[in-house]
Amino acid sequence: MNRHVFAAVPLPVHIKNAIHDVTLLLKDKVPFKQWVHPEDLHLTLSFLGQADITKLNSLREMLHRELLESAAFSLTLSTSGFFGKKQQPRIFWLGVEKEPALIELQKKVHTSCEQAGFTLESRVYSPHITLAKRWKDTETAINEVFDGQELASLAGQSFDVKDIVLYETHLDKVPKYQVIEKIPLKGDRNDS
């Protein structure tokens, strides 16, 4: 049986809660069809799509081996943005400040996924946390209802990246992402 899987950086509870508190304020005034459940908030590294058990087991082994010497690091939340049409976007996201360790981690994960036999997207990696999807109001433009002030309190909040996870998607459940593998990173930056 194939599973729909992706690799991601899980967010700690305090960051999920902070984001959720802000999105609660936005839900009534910013018309998206789907707001991400707080338990489903994450930072995607690679979408794998359908994964059979053989490829998935191969990937698990490769990631554990490849990330064995990858050090833990910190990320800091930054500004928000949108993907899709400028006035009626399809994705509302929160970014993180540029961190070379994240880019290196994503490259290692991407390479491991390809070596395990997955066909991945070729677009440039744009790290973000999806907050909401699918604009639903054809009469209203985003700039009429959102100026970014609500999210300003999140900018500058930091968190440690100590592991990555493989999530399986269950579209019929809420929350819809289930951790099927956790791959730890090595210590933290201050370890010698």
N, C-alpha and C. Protein backbone atom coordinates (compact mmCIF):
# COMPACT_ATOMS: atom_id res chain seq x y z
N MET A 1 0.83 -1.19 0.00
CA MET A 1 0.00 0.00 0.00
C MET A 1 0.88 1.25 0.00
N ASN A 2 0.60 2.18 -0.90
CA ASN A 2 1.35 3.43 -0.96
C ASN A 2 0.83 4.41 0.07
N ARG A 3 1.75 5.23 0.56
CA ARG A 3 1.41 6.25 1.53
C ARG A 3 1.87 7.59 0.98
N HIS A 4 1.16 8.67 1.33
CA HIS A 4 1.56 10.01 0.93
C HIS A 4 2.45 10.56 2.05
N VAL A 5 3.72 10.85 1.72
CA VAL A 5 4.72 11.15 2.74
C VAL A 5 5.50 12.42 2.39
N PHE A 6 5.97 13.12 3.44
CA PHE A 6 6.89 14.23 3.23
C PHE A 6 7.84 14.33 4.42
N ALA A 7 9.00 14.96 4.19
CA ALA A 7 10.00 15.17 5.24
C ALA A 7 9.90 16.61 5.71
N ALA A 8 10.03 16.82 7.02
CA ALA A 8 9.85 18.16 7.56
C ALA A 8 10.61 18.35 8.87
N VAL A 9 10.77 19.62 9.22
CA VAL A 9 11.24 20.01 10.55
C VAL A 9 10.00 20.18 11.40
N PRO A 10 9.88 19.41 12.50
CA PRO A 10 8.73 19.60 13.38
C PRO A 10 8.92 20.88 14.19
N LEU A 11 7.83 21.52 14.54
CA LEU A 11 7.91 22.73 15.35
C LEU A 11 7.65 22.38 16.82
N PRO A 12 8.38 23.04 17.73
CA PRO A 12 8.12 22.79 19.15
C PRO A 12 6.76 23.36 19.56
N VAL A 13 6.24 22.84 20.65
CA VAL A 13 4.90 23.23 21.12
C VAL A 13 4.78 24.73 21.32
N HIS A 14 5.80 25.38 21.90
CA HIS A 14 5.66 26.82 22.17
C HIS A 14 5.54 27.63 20.88
N ILE A 15 6.17 27.20 19.81
CA ILE A 15 6.05 27.89 18.53
C ILE A 15 4.68 27.61 17.90
N LYS A 16 4.24 26.36 17.95
CA LYS A 16 2.91 26.02 17.43
C LYS A 16 1.84 26.83 18.16
N ASN A 17 1.96 26.93 19.48
CA ASN A 17 0.97 27.68 20.26
C ASN A 17 0.99 29.17 19.92
N ALA A 18 2.17 29.74 19.77
CA ALA A 18 2.28 31.16 19.42
C ALA A 18 1.66 31.43 18.05
N ILE A 19 1.93 30.57 17.09
CA ILE A 19 1.35 30.73 15.75
C ILE A 19 -0.16 30.56 15.81
N HIS A 20 -0.61 29.55 16.53
CA HIS A 20 -2.05 29.30 16.64
C HIS A 20 -2.78 30.49 17.27
N ASP A 21 -2.20 31.09 18.31
CA ASP A 21 -2.82 32.25 18.95
C ASP A 21 -3.04 33.38 17.95
N VAL A 22 -2.06 33.59 17.08
CA VAL A 22 -2.17 34.65 16.08
C VAL A 22 -3.17 34.28 14.99
N THR A 23 -3.14 33.04 14.53
CA THR A 23 -4.06 32.66 13.46
C THR A 23 -5.51 32.69 13.93
N LEU A 24 -5.75 32.47 15.22
CA LEU A 24 -7.12 32.60 15.74
C LEU A 24 -7.65 34.02 15.54
N LEU A 25 -6.76 35.00 15.67
CA LEU A 25 -7.15 36.40 15.47
C LEU A 25 -7.42 36.70 13.99
N LEU A 26 -6.76 35.96 13.10
CA LEU A 26 -6.87 36.23 11.67
C LEU A 26 -8.02 35.50 10.98
N LYS A 27 -8.43 34.37 11.51
CA LYS A 27 -9.41 33.51 10.83
C LYS A 27 -10.69 34.24 10.42
N ASP A 28 -11.19 35.11 11.27
CA ASP A 28 -12.45 35.78 10.96
C ASP A 28 -12.31 36.92 9.96
N LYS A 29 -11.10 37.44 9.80
CA LYS A 29 -10.97 38.58 8.88
C LYS A 29 -10.20 38.28 7.60
N VAL A 30 -9.45 37.20 7.57
CA VAL A 30 -8.68 36.84 6.37
C VAL A 30 -9.29 35.55 5.81
N PRO A 31 -10.03 35.66 4.69
CA PRO A 31 -10.86 34.54 4.22
C PRO A 31 -10.14 33.45 3.41
N PHE A 32 -9.54 32.51 4.13
CA PHE A 32 -9.00 31.31 3.50
C PHE A 32 -9.94 30.16 3.80
N LYS A 33 -10.03 29.22 2.88
CA LYS A 33 -10.91 28.06 3.06
C LYS A 33 -10.39 27.12 4.14
N GLN A 34 -9.08 26.99 4.23
CA GLN A 34 -8.51 26.01 5.17
C GLN A 34 -7.37 26.63 5.96
N TRP A 35 -7.51 26.63 7.27
CA TRP A 35 -6.44 27.04 8.17
C TRP A 35 -5.78 25.78 8.71
N VAL A 36 -4.47 25.77 8.76
CA VAL A 36 -3.73 24.58 9.20
C VAL A 36 -3.96 24.35 10.69
N HIS A 37 -4.29 23.12 11.04
CA HIS A 37 -4.47 22.73 12.44
C HIS A 37 -3.15 22.95 13.17
N PRO A 38 -3.17 23.44 14.41
CA PRO A 38 -1.91 23.72 15.11
C PRO A 38 -0.98 22.51 15.21
N GLU A 39 -1.53 21.31 15.34
CA GLU A 39 -0.68 20.11 15.42
C GLU A 39 -0.01 19.79 14.08
N ASP A 40 -0.54 20.34 12.99
CA ASP A 40 0.00 20.07 11.65
C ASP A 40 1.04 21.11 11.19
N LEU A 41 1.30 22.13 11.99
CA LEU A 41 2.28 23.15 11.60
C LEU A 41 3.68 22.52 11.56
N HIS A 42 4.42 22.82 10.50
CA HIS A 42 5.75 22.24 10.29
C HIS A 42 6.49 23.06 9.24
N LEU A 43 7.75 22.76 9.03
CA LEU A 43 8.57 23.38 8.00
C LEU A 43 8.99 22.28 7.03
N THR A 44 8.38 22.24 5.86
CA THR A 44 8.63 21.16 4.89
C THR A 44 10.07 21.22 4.37
N LEU A 45 10.66 20.04 4.23
CA LEU A 45 11.98 19.90 3.61
C LEU A 45 11.86 19.31 2.21
N SER A 46 11.04 18.28 2.04
CA SER A 46 10.82 17.64 0.73
C SER A 46 9.48 16.93 0.71
N PHE A 47 8.71 17.16 -0.38
CA PHE A 47 7.49 16.39 -0.62
C PHE A 47 7.87 15.14 -1.39
N LEU A 48 7.49 13.98 -0.87
CA LEU A 48 7.84 12.72 -1.52
C LEU A 48 6.70 12.16 -2.35
N GLY A 49 5.49 12.57 -2.05
CA GLY A 49 4.34 12.03 -2.75
C GLY A 49 4.04 10.61 -2.29
N GLN A 50 3.60 9.78 -3.23
CA GLN A 50 3.27 8.39 -2.92
C GLN A 50 4.55 7.60 -2.65
N ALA A 51 4.54 6.85 -1.55
CA ALA A 51 5.73 6.10 -1.16
C ALA A 51 5.37 4.66 -0.86
N ASP A 52 5.98 3.73 -1.62
CA ASP A 52 5.77 2.32 -1.27
C ASP A 52 6.72 1.96 -0.13
N ILE A 53 6.46 0.86 0.52
CA ILE A 53 7.20 0.47 1.72
C ILE A 53 8.68 0.25 1.46
N THR A 54 9.04 -0.23 0.27
CA THR A 54 10.45 -0.48 -0.05
C THR A 54 11.22 0.83 -0.12
N LYS A 55 10.69 1.80 -0.86
CA LYS A 55 11.34 3.11 -0.96
C LYS A 55 11.40 3.79 0.41
N LEU A 56 10.33 3.69 1.14
CA LEU A 56 10.25 4.33 2.45
C LEU A 56 11.28 3.75 3.42
N ASN A 57 11.42 2.45 3.44
CA ASN A 57 12.43 1.83 4.31
C ASN A 57 13.84 2.21 3.89
N SER A 58 14.07 2.28 2.58
CA SER A 58 15.37 2.69 2.07
C SER A 58 15.67 4.13 2.50
N LEU A 59 14.68 5.00 2.38
CA LEU A 59 14.86 6.40 2.77
C LEU A 59 15.13 6.52 4.27
N ARG A 60 14.41 5.79 5.07
CA ARG A 60 14.64 5.83 6.53
C ARG A 60 16.10 5.51 6.85
N GLU A 61 16.62 4.45 6.26
CA GLU A 61 18.01 4.06 6.51
C GLU A 61 18.97 5.14 6.04
N MET A 62 18.74 5.67 4.84
CA MET A 62 19.62 6.71 4.30
C MET A 62 19.63 7.96 5.16
N LEU A 63 18.45 8.40 5.60
CA LEU A 63 18.38 9.62 6.41
C LEU A 63 19.08 9.44 7.76
N HIS A 64 18.87 8.31 8.40
CA HIS A 64 19.56 8.07 9.68
C HIS A 64 21.07 8.10 9.48
N ARG A 65 21.54 7.52 8.40
CA ARG A 65 22.98 7.48 8.11
C ARG A 65 23.49 8.87 7.70
N GLU A 66 22.78 9.53 6.79
CA GLU A 66 23.22 10.82 6.24
C GLU A 66 23.21 11.93 7.29
N LEU A 67 22.25 11.89 8.21
CA LEU A 67 22.11 12.98 9.18
C LEU A 67 22.80 12.71 10.50
N LEU A 68 23.50 11.59 10.59
CA LEU A 68 24.18 11.19 11.82
C LEU A 68 25.12 12.28 12.34
N GLU A 69 25.81 12.95 11.44
CA GLU A 69 26.77 13.98 11.84
C GLU A 69 26.25 15.40 11.63
N SER A 70 24.98 15.55 11.28
CA SER A 70 24.40 16.89 11.10
C SER A 70 24.05 17.47 12.46
N ALA A 71 24.60 18.62 12.75
CA ALA A 71 24.39 19.25 14.06
C ALA A 71 23.02 19.92 14.16
N ALA A 72 22.49 19.92 15.37
CA ALA A 72 21.27 20.68 15.65
C ALA A 72 21.58 22.16 15.45
N PHE A 73 20.56 22.96 15.21
CA PHE A 73 20.74 24.40 15.00
C PHE A 73 19.46 25.12 15.38
N SER A 74 19.50 26.45 15.34
CA SER A 74 18.33 27.25 15.68
C SER A 74 17.79 27.95 14.45
N LEU A 75 16.48 28.16 14.44
CA LEU A 75 15.81 28.95 13.41
C LEU A 75 15.03 30.07 14.09
N THR A 76 14.84 31.16 13.35
CA THR A 76 14.10 32.31 13.86
C THR A 76 12.99 32.65 12.90
N LEU A 77 11.78 32.81 13.43
CA LEU A 77 10.64 33.19 12.60
C LEU A 77 10.86 34.59 12.04
N SER A 78 10.36 34.82 10.82
CA SER A 78 10.53 36.14 10.20
C SER A 78 9.19 36.63 9.66
N THR A 79 9.19 37.15 8.46
CA THR A 79 7.99 37.76 7.90
C THR A 79 7.05 36.74 7.27
N SER A 80 5.85 37.20 6.99
CA SER A 80 4.86 36.34 6.33
C SER A 80 4.80 36.69 4.85
N GLY A 81 4.14 35.83 4.09
CA GLY A 81 4.00 36.06 2.66
C GLY A 81 2.94 35.16 2.07
N PHE A 82 2.85 35.20 0.74
CA PHE A 82 1.81 34.46 0.03
C PHE A 82 2.39 33.83 -1.23
N PHE A 83 1.83 32.70 -1.62
CA PHE A 83 2.11 32.09 -2.91
C PHE A 83 0.82 32.14 -3.72
N GLY A 84 0.95 32.34 -5.01
CA GLY A 84 -0.22 32.39 -5.88
C GLY A 84 -0.52 33.81 -6.31
N LYS A 85 -1.77 34.04 -6.69
CA LYS A 85 -2.18 35.36 -7.16
C LYS A 85 -1.93 36.41 -6.08
N LYS A 86 -1.47 37.57 -6.51
CA LYS A 86 -1.10 38.62 -5.57
C LYS A 86 -2.26 39.04 -4.67
N GLN A 87 -3.43 39.21 -5.24
CA GLN A 87 -4.57 39.71 -4.45
C GLN A 87 -5.43 38.60 -3.84
N GLN A 88 -5.38 37.40 -4.40
CA GLN A 88 -6.17 36.28 -3.89
C GLN A 88 -5.28 35.03 -3.88
N PRO A 89 -4.36 34.97 -2.93
CA PRO A 89 -3.34 33.92 -2.91
C PRO A 89 -3.90 32.54 -2.56
N ARG A 90 -3.13 31.51 -2.95
CA ARG A 90 -3.54 30.15 -2.61
C ARG A 90 -2.89 29.65 -1.33
N ILE A 91 -1.74 30.22 -0.95
CA ILE A 91 -1.04 29.81 0.28
C ILE A 91 -0.62 31.05 1.07
N PHE A 92 -0.89 31.03 2.36
CA PHE A 92 -0.48 32.07 3.31
C PHE A 92 0.57 31.41 4.21
N TRP A 93 1.76 32.00 4.29
CA TRP A 93 2.85 31.35 5.01
C TRP A 93 3.60 32.31 5.93
N LEU A 94 4.35 31.69 6.84
CA LEU A 94 5.25 32.41 7.75
C LEU A 94 6.65 31.91 7.46
N GLY A 95 7.58 32.83 7.28
CA GLY A 95 8.94 32.45 6.92
C GLY A 95 9.86 32.31 8.12
N VAL A 96 11.07 31.86 7.82
CA VAL A 96 12.14 31.80 8.81
C VAL A 96 13.34 32.56 8.23
N GLU A 97 14.15 33.11 9.12
CA GLU A 97 15.34 33.82 8.66
C GLU A 97 16.29 32.83 7.97
N LYS A 98 17.04 33.36 7.00
CA LYS A 98 17.97 32.51 6.26
C LYS A 98 19.00 31.92 7.22
N GLU A 99 19.14 30.62 7.16
CA GLU A 99 20.08 29.90 8.02
C GLU A 99 20.78 28.85 7.17
N PRO A 100 22.09 29.01 6.96
CA PRO A 100 22.82 28.05 6.14
C PRO A 100 22.63 26.59 6.57
N ALA A 101 22.50 26.35 7.86
CA ALA A 101 22.33 24.97 8.34
C ALA A 101 21.02 24.36 7.84
N LEU A 102 19.98 25.18 7.71
CA LEU A 102 18.70 24.67 7.18
C LEU A 102 18.84 24.31 5.71
N ILE A 103 19.49 25.16 4.95
CA ILE A 103 19.67 24.89 3.52
C ILE A 103 20.50 23.62 3.33
N GLU A 104 21.54 23.46 4.12
CA GLU A 104 22.37 22.26 4.04
C GLU A 104 21.57 21.01 4.43
N LEU A 105 20.75 21.13 5.47
CA LEU A 105 19.90 20.01 5.88
C LEU A 105 18.93 19.63 4.77
N GLN A 106 18.31 20.63 4.17
CA GLN A 106 17.34 20.35 3.10
C GLN A 106 18.03 19.67 1.92
N LYS A 107 19.24 20.10 1.58
CA LYS A 107 19.98 19.47 0.48
C LYS A 107 20.27 18.00 0.78
N LYS A 108 20.67 17.71 2.01
CA LYS A 108 20.95 16.32 2.39
C LYS A 108 19.69 15.47 2.31
N VAL A 109 18.58 16.01 2.79
CA VAL A 109 17.31 15.28 2.75
C VAL A 109 16.89 15.06 1.31
N HIS A 110 16.98 16.11 0.49
CA HIS A 110 16.60 16.04 -0.92
C HIS A 110 17.42 14.96 -1.64
N THR A 111 18.73 14.98 -1.43
CA THR A 111 19.62 14.00 -2.06
C THR A 111 19.28 12.58 -1.62
N SER A 112 19.03 12.40 -0.33
CA SER A 112 18.67 11.07 0.19
C SER A 112 17.36 10.59 -0.43
N CYS A 113 16.41 11.49 -0.58
CA CYS A 113 15.12 11.13 -1.18
C CYS A 113 15.31 10.66 -2.62
N GLU A 114 16.12 11.40 -3.38
CA GLU A 114 16.37 11.01 -4.77
C GLU A 114 17.10 9.67 -4.84
N GLN A 115 18.07 9.46 -3.96
CA GLN A 115 18.82 8.20 -3.96
C GLN A 115 17.93 7.02 -3.57
N ALA A 116 16.88 7.29 -2.80
CA ALA A 116 15.94 6.23 -2.42
C ALA A 116 14.92 5.95 -3.51
N GLY A 117 14.98 6.74 -4.60
CA GLY A 117 14.10 6.49 -5.74
C GLY A 117 12.91 7.40 -5.89
N PHE A 118 12.85 8.46 -5.09
CA PHE A 118 11.74 9.41 -5.19
C PHE A 118 12.03 10.45 -6.26
N THR A 119 11.00 10.85 -6.99
CA THR A 119 11.10 11.94 -7.96
C THR A 119 10.57 13.19 -7.27
N LEU A 120 11.43 14.20 -7.12
CA LEU A 120 11.07 15.39 -6.36
C LEU A 120 10.91 16.61 -7.24
N GLU A 121 10.25 17.63 -6.68
CA GLU A 121 10.11 18.91 -7.38
C GLU A 121 11.49 19.51 -7.59
N SER A 122 11.64 20.26 -8.68
CA SER A 122 12.95 20.84 -8.97
C SER A 122 13.02 22.33 -8.65
N ARG A 123 11.94 22.90 -8.12
CA ARG A 123 12.00 24.34 -7.83
C ARG A 123 12.90 24.64 -6.63
N VAL A 124 13.35 25.88 -6.58
CA VAL A 124 14.25 26.33 -5.52
C VAL A 124 13.53 26.22 -4.17
N TYR A 125 14.26 25.74 -3.17
CA TYR A 125 13.69 25.57 -1.83
C TYR A 125 13.39 26.93 -1.22
N SER A 126 12.17 27.10 -0.76
CA SER A 126 11.72 28.33 -0.12
C SER A 126 11.12 27.97 1.25
N PRO A 127 11.95 27.96 2.30
CA PRO A 127 11.47 27.49 3.60
C PRO A 127 10.35 28.36 4.16
N HIS A 128 9.27 27.70 4.58
CA HIS A 128 8.12 28.42 5.13
C HIS A 128 7.23 27.47 5.92
N ILE A 129 6.41 28.05 6.75
CA ILE A 129 5.41 27.32 7.52
C ILE A 129 4.06 27.73 6.96
N THR A 130 3.33 26.80 6.36
CA THR A 130 2.02 27.12 5.79
C THR A 130 1.03 27.36 6.92
N LEU A 131 0.33 28.51 6.84
CA LEU A 131 -0.68 28.87 7.84
C LEU A 131 -2.09 28.60 7.34
N ALA A 132 -2.32 28.88 6.05
CA ALA A 132 -3.67 28.72 5.49
C ALA A 132 -3.56 28.47 4.00
N LYS A 133 -4.65 27.88 3.44
CA LYS A 133 -4.68 27.54 2.02
C LYS A 133 -6.00 27.96 1.39
N ARG A 134 -5.94 28.26 0.11
CA ARG A 134 -7.09 28.51 -0.76
C ARG A 134 -7.93 29.72 -0.35
N TRP A 135 -7.64 30.84 -0.95
CA TRP A 135 -8.41 32.07 -0.76
C TRP A 135 -9.84 31.82 -1.19
N LYS A 136 -10.82 32.25 -0.40
CA LYS A 136 -12.20 31.91 -0.72
C LYS A 136 -13.10 33.08 -1.09
N ASP A 137 -12.62 34.30 -1.01
CA ASP A 137 -13.48 35.46 -1.25
C ASP A 137 -13.07 36.15 -2.56
N THR A 138 -13.84 35.92 -3.61
CA THR A 138 -13.49 36.50 -4.92
C THR A 138 -13.74 38.00 -4.98
N GLU A 139 -14.44 38.54 -4.01
CA GLU A 139 -14.76 39.98 -3.99
C GLU A 139 -13.74 40.80 -3.20
N THR A 140 -12.95 40.15 -2.36
CA THR A 140 -12.04 40.87 -1.48
C THR A 140 -10.60 40.52 -1.82
N ALA A 141 -9.74 41.53 -1.81
CA ALA A 141 -8.31 41.33 -2.04
C ALA A 141 -7.60 41.25 -0.68
N ILE A 142 -6.52 40.50 -0.64
CA ILE A 142 -5.79 40.29 0.60
C ILE A 142 -5.38 41.60 1.26
N ASN A 143 -4.94 42.58 0.47
CA ASN A 143 -4.48 43.83 1.07
C ASN A 143 -5.61 44.66 1.69
N GLU A 144 -6.85 44.28 1.44
CA GLU A 144 -7.99 44.96 2.06
C GLU A 144 -8.23 44.48 3.48
N VAL A 145 -7.77 43.28 3.81
CA VAL A 145 -8.09 42.69 5.11
C VAL A 145 -6.86 42.30 5.94
N PHE A 146 -5.67 42.38 5.35
CA PHE A 146 -4.48 41.94 6.07
C PHE A 146 -3.32 42.88 5.82
N ASP A 147 -2.71 43.38 6.92
CA ASP A 147 -1.55 44.25 6.78
C ASP A 147 -0.30 43.70 7.46
N GLY A 148 -0.42 42.52 8.04
CA GLY A 148 0.73 41.87 8.65
C GLY A 148 0.97 42.19 10.11
N GLN A 149 0.23 43.13 10.66
CA GLN A 149 0.47 43.54 12.05
C GLN A 149 0.28 42.40 13.05
N GLU A 150 -0.71 41.56 12.82
CA GLU A 150 -0.97 40.46 13.76
C GLU A 150 0.21 39.50 13.87
N LEU A 151 0.92 39.32 12.77
CA LEU A 151 2.04 38.37 12.77
C LEU A 151 3.35 38.99 13.26
N ALA A 152 3.36 40.30 13.47
CA ALA A 152 4.59 40.98 13.89
C ALA A 152 5.12 40.42 15.21
N SER A 153 4.23 39.97 16.08
CA SER A 153 4.66 39.44 17.38
C SER A 153 5.44 38.14 17.25
N LEU A 154 5.30 37.45 16.12
CA LEU A 154 6.00 36.18 15.92
C LEU A 154 7.43 36.37 15.42
N ALA A 155 7.67 37.45 14.68
CA ALA A 155 8.99 37.69 14.11
C ALA A 155 10.03 37.78 15.23
N GLY A 156 11.11 37.07 15.05
CA GLY A 156 12.18 37.08 16.04
C GLY A 156 12.13 35.94 17.04
N GLN A 157 11.02 35.22 17.10
CA GLN A 157 10.95 34.07 18.01
C GLN A 157 11.79 32.93 17.43
N SER A 158 12.61 32.34 18.28
CA SER A 158 13.52 31.28 17.82
C SER A 158 13.15 29.93 18.40
N PHE A 159 13.63 28.90 17.72
CA PHE A 159 13.44 27.53 18.20
C PHE A 159 14.59 26.66 17.71
N ASP A 160 14.83 25.58 18.43
CA ASP A 160 15.90 24.66 18.08
C ASP A 160 15.40 23.57 17.15
N VAL A 161 16.21 23.25 16.17
CA VAL A 161 15.93 22.13 15.26
C VAL A 161 16.83 20.99 15.72
N LYS A 162 16.21 20.00 16.36
CA LYS A 162 16.96 18.88 16.93
C LYS A 162 16.75 17.59 16.17
N ASP A 163 15.76 17.59 15.27
CA ASP A 163 15.46 16.39 14.49
C ASP A 163 14.62 16.76 13.29
N ILE A 164 14.47 15.79 12.40
CA ILE A 164 13.50 15.93 11.31
C ILE A 164 12.55 14.74 11.43
N VAL A 165 11.44 14.84 10.75
CA VAL A 165 10.47 13.75 10.78
C VAL A 165 9.97 13.44 9.38
N LEU A 166 9.51 12.22 9.21
CA LEU A 166 8.74 11.85 8.03
C LEU A 166 7.30 11.82 8.48
N TYR A 167 6.46 12.56 7.77
CA TYR A 167 5.03 12.59 8.07
C TYR A 167 4.27 11.81 7.01
N GLU A 168 3.23 11.12 7.42
CA GLU A 168 2.28 10.52 6.50
C GLU A 168 1.01 11.35 6.57
N THR A 169 0.43 11.63 5.40
CA THR A 169 -0.79 12.44 5.32
C THR A 169 -2.03 11.56 5.36
N HIS A 170 -2.98 11.96 6.19
CA HIS A 170 -4.29 11.31 6.28
C HIS A 170 -5.34 12.40 6.05
N LEU A 171 -5.79 12.54 4.81
CA LEU A 171 -6.70 13.63 4.46
C LEU A 171 -8.04 13.54 5.17
N ASP A 172 -8.39 12.37 5.65
CA ASP A 172 -9.69 12.18 6.30
C ASP A 172 -9.64 12.40 7.82
N LYS A 173 -8.50 12.84 8.34
CA LYS A 173 -8.35 13.03 9.79
C LYS A 173 -7.95 14.46 10.13
N VAL A 174 -8.18 14.85 11.37
CA VAL A 174 -7.73 16.14 11.89
C VAL A 174 -7.15 15.88 13.28
N PRO A 175 -5.89 16.23 13.52
CA PRO A 175 -4.90 16.69 12.55
C PRO A 175 -4.63 15.59 11.51
N LYS A 176 -4.08 16.04 10.37
CA LYS A 176 -3.95 15.08 9.26
C LYS A 176 -2.55 14.53 9.03
N TYR A 177 -1.56 15.02 9.77
CA TYR A 177 -0.20 14.52 9.59
C TYR A 177 0.21 13.65 10.77
N GLN A 178 0.73 12.47 10.46
CA GLN A 178 1.17 11.52 11.48
C GLN A 178 2.66 11.27 11.32
N VAL A 179 3.41 11.40 12.40
CA VAL A 179 4.84 11.11 12.37
C VAL A 179 5.03 9.60 12.21
N ILE A 180 5.79 9.22 11.16
CA ILE A 180 6.08 7.80 10.97
C ILE A 180 7.56 7.48 11.18
N GLU A 181 8.38 8.52 11.26
CA GLU A 181 9.80 8.32 11.55
C GLU A 181 10.38 9.63 12.08
N LYS A 182 11.21 9.52 13.10
CA LYS A 182 11.90 10.69 13.66
C LYS A 182 13.39 10.43 13.53
N ILE A 183 14.11 11.40 12.93
CA ILE A 183 15.55 11.26 12.71
C ILE A 183 16.25 12.35 13.50
N PRO A 184 16.97 12.01 14.56
CA PRO A 184 17.62 13.03 15.39
C PRO A 184 18.85 13.63 14.70
N LEU A 185 19.12 14.89 15.02
CA LEU A 185 20.35 15.54 14.60
C LEU A 185 21.34 15.43 15.76
N LYS A 186 22.58 15.67 15.48
CA LYS A 186 23.63 15.49 16.49
C LYS A 186 23.71 16.69 17.43
N GLY A 187 23.48 16.46 18.71
CA GLY A 187 23.71 17.46 19.76
C GLY A 187 23.22 18.84 19.43
N ASP A 188 23.98 19.82 19.82
CA ASP A 188 23.68 21.20 19.45
C ASP A 188 24.97 21.90 19.08
N ARG A 189 24.86 23.15 18.70
CA ARG A 189 26.02 23.89 18.18
C ARG A 189 27.15 23.99 19.20
N ASN A 190 26.84 23.93 20.46
CA ASN A 190 27.86 24.11 21.49
C ASN A 190 28.57 22.82 21.85
N ASP A 191 28.11 21.69 21.30
CA ASP A 191 28.80 20.42 21.57
C ASP A 191 30.17 20.43 20.90
N SER A 192 31.13 19.77 21.52
CA SER A 192 32.43 19.70 20.86
C SER A 192 32.69 18.33 20.33
